[in-house]
Amino acid sequence: MAQGTLYIISAPSGAGKSSLIQAMLKTQPLYDTQVSISHTTRGVRPGEQHGEHYYFVSKQEFESMIEQDAFLEHAEVFGNYYGTSRAAIEQVLATGVDVFLDIDWQGAQQIRQKMPSARSIFVLPPSKEELDRRLRGRGQDSEEVITRRMAQAVAEMSHYAEYDYLIVNDDFDLALSDLKTIIRAERLRMGRQKARHDALISKLLAD
């Protein structure tokens, strides 16, 4: 069976990365593509389910997993741990299913070191003005928070060249088409196609 591919997807807040991932998933059957579910030590929020939104664990459990090198990447954000389980990812990939991982550039660097076969995609907004408009359009952040997010966005975008693919999300439908094209092209790579069609190839080459 062909091994699935791990896709790292990064972007500044407001670039439309999450919307692209969700739209992509709606076009892909579950047996083809899944989104990685992270472990976290933060509390469960209303409407969240263990194993669906996050794997909720205690700080002690999380730190034990760190000691066991159980994470492909992990970070502490506002006093809470977040991490991507190596075993969970490898288990899904072994079934031939592709996995999307939504993380920042720092997490992406960690994963490239531990899983060089991963493919990485960076999503850019069409302009700073459009990014600012999108952030304000959410209607949930103060001016101070928006200013901070814009500064963080510039820092995040400065790492775009570390990625394998670059998508500019100006027209959403076009950006989604670009994402689908990347996935399709990766699935047509020789290694995956050879594993998928091994029986056919053997018959075609038989005397």
N, C-alpha and C. Protein backbone atom coordinates (compact mmCIF):
# COMPACT_ATOMS: atom_id res chain seq x y z
N MET A 1 0.84 -1.21 0.00
CA MET A 1 0.00 0.00 0.00
C MET A 1 0.88 1.25 0.00
N ALA A 2 0.48 2.25 -0.78
CA ALA A 2 1.22 3.50 -0.84
C ALA A 2 1.09 4.26 0.47
N GLN A 3 2.20 4.83 0.94
CA GLN A 3 2.20 5.62 2.15
C GLN A 3 1.54 6.97 1.89
N GLY A 4 0.75 7.45 2.85
CA GLY A 4 0.15 8.77 2.73
C GLY A 4 1.21 9.85 2.87
N THR A 5 0.85 11.08 2.57
CA THR A 5 1.76 12.22 2.67
C THR A 5 1.30 13.16 3.77
N LEU A 6 2.25 13.65 4.55
CA LEU A 6 1.96 14.66 5.57
C LEU A 6 2.16 16.03 4.95
N TYR A 7 1.11 16.86 4.98
CA TYR A 7 1.18 18.22 4.44
C TYR A 7 1.19 19.23 5.57
N ILE A 8 2.26 19.99 5.65
CA ILE A 8 2.37 21.09 6.61
C ILE A 8 1.82 22.34 5.93
N ILE A 9 0.85 22.99 6.54
CA ILE A 9 0.29 24.21 5.96
C ILE A 9 0.40 25.35 6.96
N SER A 10 1.07 26.41 6.55
CA SER A 10 1.27 27.57 7.42
C SER A 10 0.83 28.85 6.73
N ALA A 11 0.49 29.84 7.53
CA ALA A 11 0.05 31.14 6.99
C ALA A 11 -0.14 32.09 8.15
N PRO A 12 -0.07 33.39 7.89
CA PRO A 12 -0.40 34.35 8.95
C PRO A 12 -1.89 34.32 9.22
N SER A 13 -2.29 34.70 10.41
CA SER A 13 -3.71 34.77 10.76
C SER A 13 -4.43 35.71 9.81
N GLY A 14 -5.52 35.22 9.19
CA GLY A 14 -6.28 36.06 8.27
C GLY A 14 -6.00 35.77 6.81
N ALA A 15 -5.04 34.88 6.54
CA ALA A 15 -4.70 34.57 5.14
C ALA A 15 -5.69 33.60 4.51
N GLY A 16 -6.51 32.95 5.33
CA GLY A 16 -7.52 32.03 4.80
C GLY A 16 -7.11 30.58 4.80
N LYS A 17 -6.06 30.26 5.55
CA LYS A 17 -5.56 28.89 5.59
C LYS A 17 -6.59 27.88 6.08
N SER A 18 -7.24 28.18 7.20
CA SER A 18 -8.23 27.25 7.77
C SER A 18 -9.40 27.03 6.83
N SER A 19 -9.85 28.11 6.18
CA SER A 19 -10.97 27.99 5.23
C SER A 19 -10.58 27.12 4.04
N LEU A 20 -9.34 27.25 3.58
CA LEU A 20 -8.86 26.44 2.46
C LEU A 20 -8.81 24.96 2.84
N ILE A 21 -8.32 24.69 4.05
CA ILE A 21 -8.23 23.30 4.50
C ILE A 21 -9.61 22.68 4.60
N GLN A 22 -10.55 23.41 5.20
CA GLN A 22 -11.91 22.88 5.36
C GLN A 22 -12.59 22.67 4.01
N ALA A 23 -12.38 23.60 3.08
CA ALA A 23 -12.96 23.46 1.75
C ALA A 23 -12.34 22.27 1.02
N MET A 24 -11.04 22.08 1.21
CA MET A 24 -10.35 20.96 0.59
C MET A 24 -10.90 19.64 1.11
N LEU A 25 -11.12 19.56 2.42
CA LEU A 25 -11.61 18.32 3.02
C LEU A 25 -13.00 17.95 2.52
N LYS A 26 -13.81 18.95 2.21
CA LYS A 26 -15.17 18.68 1.72
C LYS A 26 -15.16 18.03 0.34
N THR A 27 -14.04 18.18 -0.37
CA THR A 27 -13.94 17.59 -1.71
C THR A 27 -13.23 16.25 -1.69
N GLN A 28 -12.72 15.86 -0.50
CA GLN A 28 -11.94 14.63 -0.40
C GLN A 28 -12.63 13.64 0.52
N PRO A 29 -12.75 12.38 0.14
CA PRO A 29 -13.33 11.38 1.05
C PRO A 29 -12.42 11.17 2.25
N LEU A 30 -13.00 10.78 3.38
CA LEU A 30 -12.26 10.61 4.62
C LEU A 30 -11.13 9.60 4.48
N TYR A 31 -11.33 8.60 3.60
CA TYR A 31 -10.28 7.59 3.44
C TYR A 31 -9.09 8.10 2.62
N ASP A 32 -9.19 9.32 2.09
CA ASP A 32 -8.09 9.92 1.33
C ASP A 32 -7.33 10.97 2.12
N THR A 33 -8.05 11.76 2.91
CA THR A 33 -7.45 12.92 3.56
C THR A 33 -8.06 13.16 4.94
N GLN A 34 -7.20 13.50 5.91
CA GLN A 34 -7.65 13.85 7.25
C GLN A 34 -6.84 15.03 7.77
N VAL A 35 -7.37 15.67 8.80
CA VAL A 35 -6.65 16.75 9.47
C VAL A 35 -6.04 16.21 10.75
N SER A 36 -4.80 16.58 11.02
CA SER A 36 -4.15 16.14 12.25
C SER A 36 -4.85 16.73 13.47
N ILE A 37 -5.01 15.93 14.50
CA ILE A 37 -5.61 16.38 15.76
C ILE A 37 -4.50 16.49 16.80
N SER A 38 -4.33 17.67 17.35
CA SER A 38 -3.24 17.92 18.30
C SER A 38 -3.60 17.50 19.72
N HIS A 39 -2.57 17.25 20.51
CA HIS A 39 -2.71 17.07 21.95
C HIS A 39 -2.58 18.44 22.61
N THR A 40 -3.31 18.68 23.68
CA THR A 40 -3.19 19.94 24.40
C THR A 40 -3.52 19.76 25.87
N THR A 41 -2.95 20.66 26.67
CA THR A 41 -3.22 20.63 28.12
C THR A 41 -4.26 21.68 28.51
N ARG A 42 -4.73 22.47 27.56
CA ARG A 42 -5.72 23.48 27.92
C ARG A 42 -7.08 22.84 28.18
N GLY A 43 -7.95 23.57 28.85
CA GLY A 43 -9.26 23.05 29.18
C GLY A 43 -10.16 22.88 27.98
N VAL A 44 -11.15 22.05 28.13
CA VAL A 44 -12.12 21.81 27.05
C VAL A 44 -13.10 22.99 26.98
N ARG A 45 -13.27 23.56 25.80
CA ARG A 45 -14.21 24.66 25.61
C ARG A 45 -15.58 24.12 25.21
N PRO A 46 -16.63 24.92 25.41
CA PRO A 46 -17.98 24.47 25.05
C PRO A 46 -18.06 24.00 23.60
N GLY A 47 -18.64 22.83 23.39
CA GLY A 47 -18.80 22.30 22.05
C GLY A 47 -17.66 21.43 21.57
N GLU A 48 -16.54 21.43 22.30
CA GLU A 48 -15.39 20.64 21.89
C GLU A 48 -15.50 19.20 22.39
N GLN A 49 -14.98 18.27 21.59
CA GLN A 49 -15.01 16.86 21.93
C GLN A 49 -13.60 16.29 21.91
N HIS A 50 -13.28 15.47 22.92
CA HIS A 50 -11.99 14.80 22.97
C HIS A 50 -11.86 13.87 21.77
N GLY A 51 -10.73 13.98 21.06
CA GLY A 51 -10.50 13.13 19.90
C GLY A 51 -11.07 13.66 18.61
N GLU A 52 -11.84 14.74 18.70
CA GLU A 52 -12.39 15.36 17.50
C GLU A 52 -11.75 16.72 17.24
N HIS A 53 -11.69 17.55 18.28
CA HIS A 53 -11.05 18.86 18.15
C HIS A 53 -9.61 18.81 18.65
N TYR A 54 -9.41 18.18 19.78
CA TYR A 54 -8.08 17.98 20.38
C TYR A 54 -8.10 16.68 21.16
N TYR A 55 -6.90 16.20 21.49
CA TYR A 55 -6.75 15.17 22.51
C TYR A 55 -6.38 15.92 23.79
N PHE A 56 -7.30 15.97 24.73
CA PHE A 56 -7.08 16.73 25.96
C PHE A 56 -6.38 15.85 26.99
N VAL A 57 -5.20 16.29 27.43
CA VAL A 57 -4.42 15.52 28.39
C VAL A 57 -3.94 16.45 29.50
N SER A 58 -3.48 15.87 30.60
CA SER A 58 -2.96 16.65 31.72
C SER A 58 -1.54 17.13 31.39
N LYS A 59 -1.08 18.12 32.13
CA LYS A 59 0.28 18.62 31.93
C LYS A 59 1.29 17.52 32.21
N GLN A 60 1.02 16.71 33.22
CA GLN A 60 1.92 15.61 33.56
C GLN A 60 2.01 14.60 32.42
N GLU A 61 0.86 14.28 31.82
CA GLU A 61 0.84 13.34 30.69
C GLU A 61 1.61 13.91 29.51
N PHE A 62 1.41 15.20 29.25
CA PHE A 62 2.06 15.84 28.11
C PHE A 62 3.58 15.83 28.30
N GLU A 63 4.04 16.21 29.49
CA GLU A 63 5.47 16.27 29.76
C GLU A 63 6.10 14.89 29.70
N SER A 64 5.33 13.87 30.08
CA SER A 64 5.81 12.50 29.97
C SER A 64 5.99 12.12 28.50
N MET A 65 5.07 12.57 27.65
CA MET A 65 5.17 12.30 26.22
C MET A 65 6.37 13.02 25.61
N ILE A 66 6.68 14.23 26.11
CA ILE A 66 7.86 14.95 25.63
C ILE A 66 9.12 14.15 25.94
N GLU A 67 9.20 13.63 27.16
CA GLU A 67 10.36 12.84 27.58
C GLU A 67 10.53 11.59 26.72
N GLN A 68 9.41 11.06 26.25
CA GLN A 68 9.43 9.85 25.42
C GLN A 68 9.62 10.17 23.94
N ASP A 69 9.84 11.44 23.62
CA ASP A 69 9.99 11.90 22.23
C ASP A 69 8.78 11.48 21.39
N ALA A 70 7.60 11.63 21.98
CA ALA A 70 6.36 11.19 21.32
C ALA A 70 5.79 12.22 20.35
N PHE A 71 6.36 13.43 20.33
CA PHE A 71 5.81 14.49 19.47
C PHE A 71 6.71 14.80 18.28
N LEU A 72 6.08 15.02 17.13
CA LEU A 72 6.81 15.53 15.98
C LEU A 72 7.17 16.99 16.20
N GLU A 73 6.27 17.70 16.88
CA GLU A 73 6.51 19.09 17.26
C GLU A 73 5.63 19.40 18.46
N HIS A 74 6.10 20.34 19.27
CA HIS A 74 5.28 20.79 20.40
C HIS A 74 5.72 22.19 20.79
N ALA A 75 4.82 22.91 21.44
CA ALA A 75 5.11 24.27 21.87
C ALA A 75 4.23 24.62 23.06
N GLU A 76 4.67 25.62 23.81
CA GLU A 76 3.87 26.13 24.92
C GLU A 76 3.33 27.50 24.53
N VAL A 77 2.02 27.65 24.56
CA VAL A 77 1.37 28.90 24.16
C VAL A 77 0.47 29.38 25.29
N PHE A 78 0.77 30.56 25.82
CA PHE A 78 -0.02 31.14 26.92
C PHE A 78 -0.24 30.15 28.06
N GLY A 79 0.84 29.44 28.41
CA GLY A 79 0.79 28.55 29.56
C GLY A 79 0.23 27.17 29.29
N ASN A 80 -0.17 26.90 28.04
CA ASN A 80 -0.71 25.58 27.69
C ASN A 80 0.17 24.92 26.63
N TYR A 81 0.30 23.61 26.75
CA TYR A 81 1.07 22.85 25.77
C TYR A 81 0.19 22.43 24.59
N TYR A 82 0.81 22.42 23.40
CA TYR A 82 0.17 21.89 22.20
C TYR A 82 1.21 21.03 21.48
N GLY A 83 0.80 19.89 20.96
CA GLY A 83 1.77 19.04 20.27
C GLY A 83 1.12 18.10 19.27
N THR A 84 1.94 17.62 18.34
CA THR A 84 1.49 16.68 17.31
C THR A 84 2.11 15.32 17.56
N SER A 85 1.28 14.34 17.83
CA SER A 85 1.74 12.99 18.14
C SER A 85 2.36 12.30 16.93
N ARG A 86 3.59 11.84 17.10
CA ARG A 86 4.27 11.11 16.02
C ARG A 86 3.52 9.81 15.69
N ALA A 87 3.13 9.05 16.72
CA ALA A 87 2.47 7.76 16.52
C ALA A 87 1.14 7.92 15.79
N ALA A 88 0.37 8.94 16.18
CA ALA A 88 -0.94 9.16 15.56
C ALA A 88 -0.80 9.49 14.08
N ILE A 89 0.17 10.33 13.74
CA ILE A 89 0.40 10.70 12.34
C ILE A 89 0.87 9.49 11.53
N GLU A 90 1.85 8.77 12.06
CA GLU A 90 2.42 7.64 11.33
C GLU A 90 1.39 6.53 11.12
N GLN A 91 0.49 6.37 12.09
CA GLN A 91 -0.54 5.34 11.99
C GLN A 91 -1.49 5.64 10.83
N VAL A 92 -1.88 6.90 10.69
CA VAL A 92 -2.78 7.29 9.60
C VAL A 92 -2.07 7.22 8.25
N LEU A 93 -0.84 7.72 8.19
CA LEU A 93 -0.09 7.70 6.93
C LEU A 93 0.13 6.28 6.43
N ALA A 94 0.30 5.34 7.36
CA ALA A 94 0.55 3.94 6.98
C ALA A 94 -0.63 3.32 6.26
N THR A 95 -1.82 3.90 6.43
CA THR A 95 -3.02 3.38 5.75
C THR A 95 -3.20 4.00 4.37
N GLY A 96 -2.27 4.88 3.96
CA GLY A 96 -2.35 5.52 2.66
C GLY A 96 -3.12 6.83 2.65
N VAL A 97 -3.54 7.28 3.84
CA VAL A 97 -4.32 8.52 3.95
C VAL A 97 -3.38 9.71 4.11
N ASP A 98 -3.66 10.80 3.39
CA ASP A 98 -2.90 12.03 3.53
C ASP A 98 -3.37 12.79 4.77
N VAL A 99 -2.44 13.49 5.42
CA VAL A 99 -2.77 14.23 6.64
C VAL A 99 -2.38 15.69 6.48
N PHE A 100 -3.30 16.60 6.82
CA PHE A 100 -3.03 18.03 6.83
C PHE A 100 -2.69 18.47 8.24
N LEU A 101 -1.62 19.22 8.37
CA LEU A 101 -1.20 19.72 9.68
C LEU A 101 -1.09 21.23 9.63
N ASP A 102 -1.94 21.91 10.37
CA ASP A 102 -2.01 23.37 10.41
C ASP A 102 -1.14 23.87 11.56
N ILE A 103 0.08 24.34 11.24
CA ILE A 103 1.01 24.81 12.27
C ILE A 103 1.79 26.03 11.78
N ASP A 104 2.50 26.68 12.71
CA ASP A 104 3.29 27.85 12.34
C ASP A 104 4.67 27.41 11.84
N TRP A 105 5.48 28.40 11.44
CA TRP A 105 6.78 28.09 10.84
C TRP A 105 7.72 27.39 11.80
N GLN A 106 7.60 27.69 13.10
CA GLN A 106 8.49 27.05 14.08
C GLN A 106 8.18 25.56 14.19
N GLY A 107 6.89 25.24 14.25
CA GLY A 107 6.49 23.84 14.27
C GLY A 107 6.88 23.13 12.99
N ALA A 108 6.77 23.85 11.87
CA ALA A 108 7.13 23.28 10.57
C ALA A 108 8.61 22.89 10.54
N GLN A 109 9.45 23.73 11.13
CA GLN A 109 10.88 23.42 11.17
C GLN A 109 11.15 22.15 11.97
N GLN A 110 10.46 22.00 13.10
CA GLN A 110 10.63 20.80 13.92
C GLN A 110 10.24 19.54 13.13
N ILE A 111 9.12 19.63 12.42
CA ILE A 111 8.63 18.46 11.70
C ILE A 111 9.53 18.08 10.53
N ARG A 112 10.07 19.08 9.82
CA ARG A 112 10.97 18.78 8.71
C ARG A 112 12.18 17.98 9.18
N GLN A 113 12.65 18.28 10.38
CA GLN A 113 13.82 17.58 10.92
C GLN A 113 13.49 16.12 11.23
N LYS A 114 12.27 15.88 11.72
CA LYS A 114 11.89 14.52 12.13
C LYS A 114 11.20 13.72 11.03
N MET A 115 10.62 14.42 10.06
CA MET A 115 9.92 13.73 8.96
C MET A 115 10.21 14.47 7.65
N PRO A 116 11.40 14.27 7.08
CA PRO A 116 11.80 14.98 5.86
C PRO A 116 10.89 14.74 4.67
N SER A 117 10.12 13.65 4.69
CA SER A 117 9.24 13.35 3.56
C SER A 117 8.00 14.23 3.52
N ALA A 118 7.75 14.99 4.59
CA ALA A 118 6.58 15.87 4.64
C ALA A 118 6.68 16.95 3.57
N ARG A 119 5.55 17.34 3.02
CA ARG A 119 5.49 18.44 2.06
C ARG A 119 4.92 19.67 2.76
N SER A 120 5.45 20.84 2.44
CA SER A 120 5.01 22.05 3.14
C SER A 120 4.46 23.09 2.17
N ILE A 121 3.40 23.75 2.62
CA ILE A 121 2.70 24.74 1.80
C ILE A 121 2.52 26.02 2.61
N PHE A 122 2.87 27.15 2.03
CA PHE A 122 2.67 28.44 2.71
C PHE A 122 1.60 29.23 1.96
N VAL A 123 0.68 29.83 2.72
CA VAL A 123 -0.40 30.62 2.12
C VAL A 123 -0.19 32.10 2.45
N LEU A 124 -0.12 32.92 1.42
CA LEU A 124 0.06 34.37 1.59
C LEU A 124 -1.24 35.11 1.27
N PRO A 125 -1.48 36.25 1.93
CA PRO A 125 -2.58 37.12 1.54
C PRO A 125 -2.13 37.93 0.33
N PRO A 126 -3.05 38.54 -0.43
CA PRO A 126 -2.65 39.30 -1.61
C PRO A 126 -1.97 40.63 -1.29
N SER A 127 -2.18 41.13 -0.06
CA SER A 127 -1.57 42.40 0.35
C SER A 127 -1.74 42.58 1.85
N LYS A 128 -0.96 43.49 2.42
CA LYS A 128 -1.12 43.80 3.85
C LYS A 128 -2.48 44.45 4.10
N GLU A 129 -2.91 45.28 3.15
CA GLU A 129 -4.19 45.97 3.30
C GLU A 129 -5.35 44.96 3.37
N GLU A 130 -5.28 43.95 2.51
CA GLU A 130 -6.33 42.93 2.50
C GLU A 130 -6.28 42.09 3.78
N LEU A 131 -5.08 41.80 4.25
CA LEU A 131 -4.95 41.04 5.49
C LEU A 131 -5.54 41.83 6.65
N ASP A 132 -5.26 43.12 6.71
CA ASP A 132 -5.81 43.98 7.75
C ASP A 132 -7.34 44.02 7.66
N ARG A 133 -7.86 44.09 6.44
CA ARG A 133 -9.31 44.12 6.25
C ARG A 133 -9.96 42.83 6.74
N ARG A 134 -9.33 41.72 6.44
CA ARG A 134 -9.88 40.43 6.87
C ARG A 134 -9.88 40.30 8.39
N LEU A 135 -8.80 40.75 9.02
CA LEU A 135 -8.72 40.67 10.48
C LEU A 135 -9.79 41.55 11.12
N ARG A 136 -9.99 42.73 10.57
CA ARG A 136 -11.02 43.62 11.11
C ARG A 136 -12.42 43.09 10.83
N GLY A 137 -12.56 42.39 9.70
CA GLY A 137 -13.86 41.86 9.33
C GLY A 137 -14.38 40.79 10.26
N ARG A 138 -13.49 40.20 11.04
CA ARG A 138 -13.92 39.19 12.01
C ARG A 138 -14.75 39.81 13.13
N GLY A 139 -14.46 41.09 13.40
CA GLY A 139 -15.21 41.81 14.43
C GLY A 139 -15.05 41.27 15.83
N GLN A 140 -13.92 40.63 16.11
CA GLN A 140 -13.74 40.03 17.43
C GLN A 140 -12.47 40.48 18.14
N ASP A 141 -11.66 41.30 17.48
CA ASP A 141 -10.40 41.73 18.07
C ASP A 141 -10.35 43.24 18.26
N SER A 142 -9.66 43.66 19.31
CA SER A 142 -9.46 45.08 19.57
C SER A 142 -8.39 45.62 18.63
N GLU A 143 -8.26 46.94 18.58
CA GLU A 143 -7.25 47.56 17.74
C GLU A 143 -5.85 47.09 18.14
N GLU A 144 -5.65 46.96 19.44
CA GLU A 144 -4.34 46.51 19.95
C GLU A 144 -4.03 45.09 19.47
N VAL A 145 -5.03 44.22 19.53
CA VAL A 145 -4.83 42.83 19.10
C VAL A 145 -4.57 42.77 17.60
N ILE A 146 -5.29 43.57 16.82
CA ILE A 146 -5.10 43.58 15.37
C ILE A 146 -3.69 44.05 15.02
N THR A 147 -3.23 45.09 15.72
CA THR A 147 -1.88 45.59 15.49
C THR A 147 -0.85 44.52 15.79
N ARG A 148 -1.07 43.79 16.88
CA ARG A 148 -0.14 42.71 17.25
C ARG A 148 -0.19 41.57 16.23
N ARG A 149 -1.39 41.24 15.76
CA ARG A 149 -1.52 40.17 14.77
C ARG A 149 -0.84 40.55 13.45
N MET A 150 -0.92 41.81 13.08
CA MET A 150 -0.27 42.25 11.84
C MET A 150 1.25 42.14 11.96
N ALA A 151 1.77 42.49 13.13
CA ALA A 151 3.22 42.38 13.36
C ALA A 151 3.64 40.91 13.33
N GLN A 152 2.83 40.05 13.94
CA GLN A 152 3.12 38.62 13.93
C GLN A 152 3.05 38.06 12.51
N ALA A 153 2.13 38.61 11.72
CA ALA A 153 1.96 38.14 10.34
C ALA A 153 3.22 38.40 9.52
N VAL A 154 3.81 39.57 9.69
CA VAL A 154 5.03 39.90 8.95
C VAL A 154 6.15 38.94 9.34
N ALA A 155 6.25 38.66 10.64
CA ALA A 155 7.28 37.72 11.12
C ALA A 155 7.06 36.33 10.54
N GLU A 156 5.80 35.90 10.51
CA GLU A 156 5.46 34.58 9.97
C GLU A 156 5.76 34.52 8.47
N MET A 157 5.36 35.56 7.73
CA MET A 157 5.54 35.56 6.28
C MET A 157 7.00 35.59 5.86
N SER A 158 7.88 36.06 6.73
CA SER A 158 9.30 36.13 6.39
C SER A 158 9.92 34.75 6.20
N HIS A 159 9.19 33.70 6.60
CA HIS A 159 9.71 32.33 6.48
C HIS A 159 9.11 31.57 5.29
N TYR A 160 8.42 32.28 4.40
CA TYR A 160 7.71 31.62 3.30
C TYR A 160 8.64 30.77 2.42
N ALA A 161 9.89 31.22 2.24
CA ALA A 161 10.81 30.53 1.32
C ALA A 161 11.28 29.18 1.85
N GLU A 162 10.97 28.86 3.10
CA GLU A 162 11.36 27.57 3.66
C GLU A 162 10.42 26.45 3.21
N TYR A 163 9.34 26.81 2.53
CA TYR A 163 8.30 25.86 2.17
C TYR A 163 8.45 25.35 0.73
N ASP A 164 7.83 24.20 0.46
CA ASP A 164 7.91 23.60 -0.87
C ASP A 164 7.00 24.30 -1.88
N TYR A 165 5.84 24.75 -1.41
CA TYR A 165 4.83 25.35 -2.29
C TYR A 165 4.35 26.68 -1.70
N LEU A 166 3.95 27.58 -2.60
CA LEU A 166 3.45 28.89 -2.19
C LEU A 166 2.12 29.17 -2.89
N ILE A 167 1.10 29.50 -2.09
CA ILE A 167 -0.22 29.86 -2.63
C ILE A 167 -0.55 31.28 -2.19
N VAL A 168 -0.97 32.13 -3.12
CA VAL A 168 -1.43 33.47 -2.78
C VAL A 168 -2.95 33.44 -2.81
N ASN A 169 -3.56 33.66 -1.65
CA ASN A 169 -5.02 33.57 -1.54
C ASN A 169 -5.67 34.92 -1.82
N ASP A 170 -5.72 35.27 -3.11
CA ASP A 170 -6.41 36.48 -3.55
C ASP A 170 -7.84 36.09 -3.95
N ASP A 171 -7.94 35.15 -4.86
CA ASP A 171 -9.22 34.57 -5.27
C ASP A 171 -9.34 33.20 -4.59
N PHE A 172 -10.33 33.03 -3.71
CA PHE A 172 -10.42 31.81 -2.91
C PHE A 172 -10.55 30.56 -3.77
N ASP A 173 -11.39 30.60 -4.79
CA ASP A 173 -11.60 29.43 -5.64
C ASP A 173 -10.31 29.03 -6.36
N LEU A 174 -9.55 30.04 -6.79
CA LEU A 174 -8.28 29.76 -7.47
C LEU A 174 -7.27 29.18 -6.48
N ALA A 175 -7.24 29.75 -5.27
CA ALA A 175 -6.33 29.24 -4.24
C ALA A 175 -6.66 27.80 -3.89
N LEU A 176 -7.96 27.49 -3.80
CA LEU A 176 -8.39 26.12 -3.52
C LEU A 176 -7.98 25.19 -4.65
N SER A 177 -8.12 25.66 -5.88
CA SER A 177 -7.70 24.88 -7.04
C SER A 177 -6.20 24.61 -6.99
N ASP A 178 -5.43 25.61 -6.59
CA ASP A 178 -3.98 25.45 -6.45
C ASP A 178 -3.66 24.37 -5.42
N LEU A 179 -4.37 24.40 -4.29
CA LEU A 179 -4.14 23.42 -3.24
C LEU A 179 -4.46 22.01 -3.73
N LYS A 180 -5.58 21.87 -4.43
CA LYS A 180 -5.96 20.57 -4.98
C LYS A 180 -4.92 20.07 -5.98
N THR A 181 -4.37 20.99 -6.77
CA THR A 181 -3.37 20.63 -7.77
C THR A 181 -2.11 20.09 -7.11
N ILE A 182 -1.71 20.73 -6.01
CA ILE A 182 -0.54 20.27 -5.27
C ILE A 182 -0.75 18.84 -4.77
N ILE A 183 -1.91 18.60 -4.16
CA ILE A 183 -2.21 17.28 -3.62
C ILE A 183 -2.24 16.24 -4.74
N ARG A 184 -2.87 16.59 -5.84
CA ARG A 184 -2.97 15.65 -6.97
C ARG A 184 -1.59 15.32 -7.52
N ALA A 185 -0.75 16.35 -7.69
CA ALA A 185 0.59 16.13 -8.23
C ALA A 185 1.42 15.23 -7.31
N GLU A 186 1.31 15.44 -6.01
CA GLU A 186 2.06 14.62 -5.05
C GLU A 186 1.60 13.16 -5.12
N ARG A 187 0.31 12.95 -5.34
CA ARG A 187 -0.21 11.58 -5.42
C ARG A 187 0.23 10.87 -6.70
N LEU A 188 0.67 11.65 -7.70
CA LEU A 188 1.13 11.07 -8.95
C LEU A 188 2.63 10.82 -8.97
N ARG A 189 3.32 11.11 -7.86
CA ARG A 189 4.76 10.85 -7.80
C ARG A 189 5.02 9.35 -8.00
N MET A 190 6.17 9.04 -8.57
CA MET A 190 6.48 7.67 -8.94
C MET A 190 6.36 6.69 -7.77
N GLY A 191 6.88 7.06 -6.61
CA GLY A 191 6.85 6.15 -5.47
C GLY A 191 5.44 5.74 -5.09
N ARG A 192 4.53 6.72 -5.02
CA ARG A 192 3.15 6.41 -4.63
C ARG A 192 2.42 5.65 -5.73
N GLN A 193 2.62 6.06 -6.97
CA GLN A 193 1.95 5.39 -8.08
C GLN A 193 2.43 3.94 -8.24
N LYS A 194 3.73 3.73 -8.06
CA LYS A 194 4.28 2.38 -8.18
C LYS A 194 3.69 1.46 -7.12
N ALA A 195 3.59 1.97 -5.88
CA ALA A 195 3.03 1.16 -4.80
C ALA A 195 1.54 0.90 -5.03
N ARG A 196 0.85 1.90 -5.53
CA ARG A 196 -0.60 1.78 -5.74
C ARG A 196 -0.93 0.81 -6.88
N HIS A 197 -0.09 0.83 -7.93
CA HIS A 197 -0.39 0.03 -9.12
C HIS A 197 0.61 -1.10 -9.33
N ASP A 198 1.15 -1.60 -8.25
CA ASP A 198 2.19 -2.63 -8.34
C ASP A 198 1.71 -3.87 -9.10
N ALA A 199 0.49 -4.32 -8.80
CA ALA A 199 -0.03 -5.52 -9.46
C ALA A 199 -0.19 -5.29 -10.96
N LEU A 200 -0.71 -4.13 -11.33
CA LEU A 200 -0.89 -3.80 -12.75
C LEU A 200 0.45 -3.77 -13.47
N ILE A 201 1.43 -3.10 -12.86
CA ILE A 201 2.75 -2.98 -13.48
C ILE A 201 3.38 -4.35 -13.69
N SER A 202 3.23 -5.23 -12.69
CA SER A 202 3.79 -6.58 -12.79
C SER A 202 3.19 -7.33 -13.97
N LYS A 203 1.87 -7.19 -14.14
CA LYS A 203 1.20 -7.87 -15.26
C LYS A 203 1.64 -7.29 -16.60
N LEU A 204 1.77 -5.97 -16.66
CA LEU A 204 2.15 -5.32 -17.92
C LEU A 204 3.56 -5.71 -18.36
N LEU A 205 4.43 -5.94 -17.38
CA LEU A 205 5.83 -6.24 -17.69
C LEU A 205 6.12 -7.73 -17.76
N ALA A 206 5.11 -8.54 -17.47
CA ALA A 206 5.32 -10.00 -17.49
C ALA A 206 5.51 -10.49 -18.92
N ASP A 207 6.33 -11.51 -19.08
CA ASP A 207 6.57 -12.09 -20.41
C ASP A 207 5.32 -12.79 -20.93
